[in-house]
Amino acid sequence: MSDPKDKRTATIEREFTHPPEKLWRALTQQHLMEEWLMKNDFKPEVGHAFQLKGEWGGVMDCEVLAIEPHRKLCYSWNFSNDDPLYSLESTVTFMLTPTANGTHLKVEQSGFRPDQKQAYGGAHAGWKGFLANLDALLDTLD
């Protein structure tokens, strides 16, 4: 088993022309999360266990770990697979910072082992796609 300090973190940052309150709604309301991320049974309550269900049939088992309204959301993101290279125990953290023109969003997914290069690279690409979906959704919200 690898040492926790050997774990890698995928970090994606993006500027949005929307206020933190609007992003927060999209990050924490189940029906909105489904629009940009995945089907889910999320509730914004620390300790709430939920699942994210990908279109490819994969299921992530998650638990809300921390909430600071309009500033920070953190949950576990775990995926089990028969192949250890594809099994993942990770944590996703969203950090929102107000800017003059909207919000800076930093997403960190931590917990990738050194032998999970494909999963690590996939997280970078996946989060970029999810955040593009999020941006498009935000443009449709009041």
Protein backbone atom coordinates (compact mmCIF):
# COMPACT_ATOMS: atom_id res chain seq x y z
CA MET A 1 0.00 0.00 0.00
CA SER A 2 1.35 3.44 -0.85
CA ASP A 3 2.08 6.14 1.67
CA PRO A 4 -0.67 8.85 1.86
CA LYS A 5 1.95 11.51 1.12
CA ASP A 6 2.55 9.81 -2.25
CA LYS A 7 -1.02 10.49 -3.34
CA ARG A 8 -1.60 12.92 -6.19
CA THR A 9 -4.18 15.68 -6.54
CA ALA A 10 -5.87 16.74 -9.79
CA THR A 11 -6.52 20.49 -9.62
CA ILE A 12 -8.70 22.41 -12.06
CA GLU A 13 -9.38 26.15 -11.76
CA ARG A 14 -11.88 28.22 -13.68
CA GLU A 15 -13.31 31.72 -13.64
CA PHE A 16 -17.08 32.11 -13.87
CA THR A 17 -18.98 35.32 -14.62
CA HIS A 18 -21.57 34.37 -12.02
CA PRO A 19 -21.69 35.16 -8.28
CA PRO A 20 -20.72 32.50 -5.72
CA GLU A 21 -24.36 32.11 -4.63
CA LYS A 22 -25.35 30.99 -8.12
CA LEU A 23 -22.49 28.49 -8.35
CA TRP A 24 -23.35 27.23 -4.89
CA ARG A 25 -26.90 26.42 -6.01
CA ALA A 26 -25.57 24.39 -8.93
CA LEU A 27 -23.06 22.61 -6.70
CA THR A 28 -25.56 21.68 -3.99
CA GLN A 29 -29.03 21.24 -5.52
CA GLN A 30 -29.63 17.67 -6.62
CA HIS A 31 -31.55 18.46 -9.80
CA LEU A 32 -28.95 21.03 -10.90
CA MET A 33 -26.03 18.69 -10.13
CA GLU A 34 -27.65 16.16 -12.44
CA GLU A 35 -27.56 18.72 -15.25
CA TRP A 36 -23.80 19.31 -15.15
CA LEU A 37 -22.29 16.38 -13.20
CA MET A 38 -24.23 13.11 -12.79
CA LYS A 39 -27.44 11.61 -11.50
CA ASN A 40 -27.32 11.65 -7.71
CA ASP A 41 -29.11 11.59 -4.40
CA PHE A 42 -27.08 14.43 -2.89
CA LYS A 43 -28.18 16.49 0.12
CA PRO A 44 -26.07 19.38 1.42
CA GLU A 45 -25.67 17.90 4.90
CA VAL A 46 -22.35 16.88 6.47
CA GLY A 47 -22.36 13.10 6.90
CA HIS A 48 -24.93 12.48 4.14
CA ALA A 49 -23.98 9.39 2.10
CA PHE A 50 -24.94 9.62 -1.57
CA GLN A 51 -24.13 8.18 -4.96
CA LEU A 52 -23.15 9.71 -8.25
CA LYS A 53 -24.19 7.60 -11.24
CA GLY A 54 -22.28 8.05 -14.48
CA GLU A 55 -23.84 7.62 -17.91
CA TRP A 56 -21.34 4.77 -18.51
CA GLY A 57 -22.90 2.81 -15.64
CA GLY A 58 -20.23 3.56 -13.04
CA VAL A 59 -21.30 4.47 -9.51
CA MET A 60 -19.32 6.62 -7.08
CA ASP A 61 -20.04 6.18 -3.39
CA CYS A 62 -19.74 9.55 -1.69
CA GLU A 63 -20.20 11.26 1.65
CA VAL A 64 -20.43 14.97 2.39
CA LEU A 65 -17.40 15.87 4.52
CA ALA A 66 -17.54 19.67 4.80
CA ILE A 67 -19.80 22.57 3.90
CA GLU A 68 -19.12 26.29 4.15
CA PRO A 69 -22.02 27.89 2.24
CA HIS A 70 -20.96 29.84 -0.84
CA ARG A 71 -17.27 29.07 -0.06
CA LYS A 72 -16.41 25.37 0.22
CA LEU A 73 -17.92 21.95 -0.41
CA CYS A 74 -16.03 18.71 0.17
CA TYR A 75 -17.09 15.10 -0.29
CA SER A 76 -15.53 11.68 -0.65
CA TRP A 77 -15.56 10.20 -4.15
CA ASN A 78 -14.97 6.45 -4.11
CA PHE A 79 -15.16 4.01 -6.97
CA SER A 80 -14.75 0.25 -6.55
CA ASN A 81 -13.62 -2.00 -9.36
CA ASP A 82 -12.23 -5.52 -9.65
CA ASP A 83 -9.06 -4.00 -11.09
CA PRO A 84 -7.19 -2.11 -8.33
CA LEU A 85 -5.83 0.36 -10.89
CA TYR A 86 -9.37 1.62 -11.45
CA SER A 87 -10.57 1.52 -7.85
CA LEU A 88 -10.30 4.93 -6.26
CA GLU A 89 -10.71 6.41 -2.82
CA SER A 90 -10.57 10.16 -3.23
CA THR A 91 -11.87 13.47 -1.95
CA VAL A 92 -13.30 16.25 -4.09
CA THR A 93 -13.18 19.81 -2.79
CA PHE A 94 -14.81 22.83 -4.41
CA MET A 95 -13.49 26.23 -3.26
CA LEU A 96 -15.33 29.38 -4.35
CA THR A 97 -13.71 32.80 -4.19
CA PRO A 98 -15.60 35.97 -5.18
CA THR A 99 -13.90 38.07 -7.84
CA ALA A 100 -14.63 41.46 -9.37
CA ASN A 101 -16.33 39.74 -12.32
CA GLY A 102 -17.88 36.69 -10.65
CA THR A 103 -16.29 33.67 -8.99
CA HIS A 104 -13.03 31.77 -9.10
CA LEU A 105 -13.70 28.05 -8.66
CA LYS A 106 -10.94 25.65 -7.68
CA VAL A 107 -11.71 21.93 -7.79
CA GLU A 108 -9.29 19.47 -6.22
CA GLN A 109 -9.67 15.72 -6.43
CA SER A 110 -7.08 14.13 -4.16
CA GLY A 111 -6.18 10.52 -3.48
CA PHE A 112 -4.68 9.19 -6.72
CA ARG A 113 -1.95 6.62 -6.18
CA PRO A 114 1.22 6.91 -8.31
CA ASP A 115 0.15 3.82 -10.31
CA GLN A 116 -3.16 5.48 -11.29
CA LYS A 117 -1.83 7.67 -14.08
CA GLN A 118 -4.80 6.97 -16.35
CA ALA A 119 -7.35 7.77 -13.61
CA TYR A 120 -5.42 10.92 -12.68
CA GLY A 121 -5.35 12.09 -16.31
CA GLY A 122 -9.00 11.14 -16.71
CA ALA A 123 -9.90 13.28 -13.69
CA HIS A 124 -8.23 16.32 -15.27
CA ALA A 125 -10.13 15.83 -18.52
CA GLY A 126 -13.36 14.87 -16.77
CA TRP A 127 -13.43 17.90 -14.49
CA LYS A 128 -12.73 20.25 -17.41
CA GLY A 129 -15.77 18.78 -19.16
CA PHE A 130 -17.93 18.92 -16.03
CA LEU A 131 -17.00 22.58 -15.46
CA ALA A 132 -17.83 23.44 -19.08
CA ASN A 133 -21.25 21.83 -18.47
CA LEU A 134 -21.56 23.82 -15.24
CA ASP A 135 -20.79 27.08 -17.04
CA ALA A 136 -23.44 26.34 -19.68
CA LEU A 137 -25.99 25.51 -16.97
CA LEU A 138 -25.25 28.71 -15.04
CA ASP A 139 -26.06 30.75 -18.15
CA THR A 140 -29.61 29.33 -18.06
CA LEU A 141 -30.31 30.02 -14.37
CA ASP A 142 -31.86 33.18 -12.94
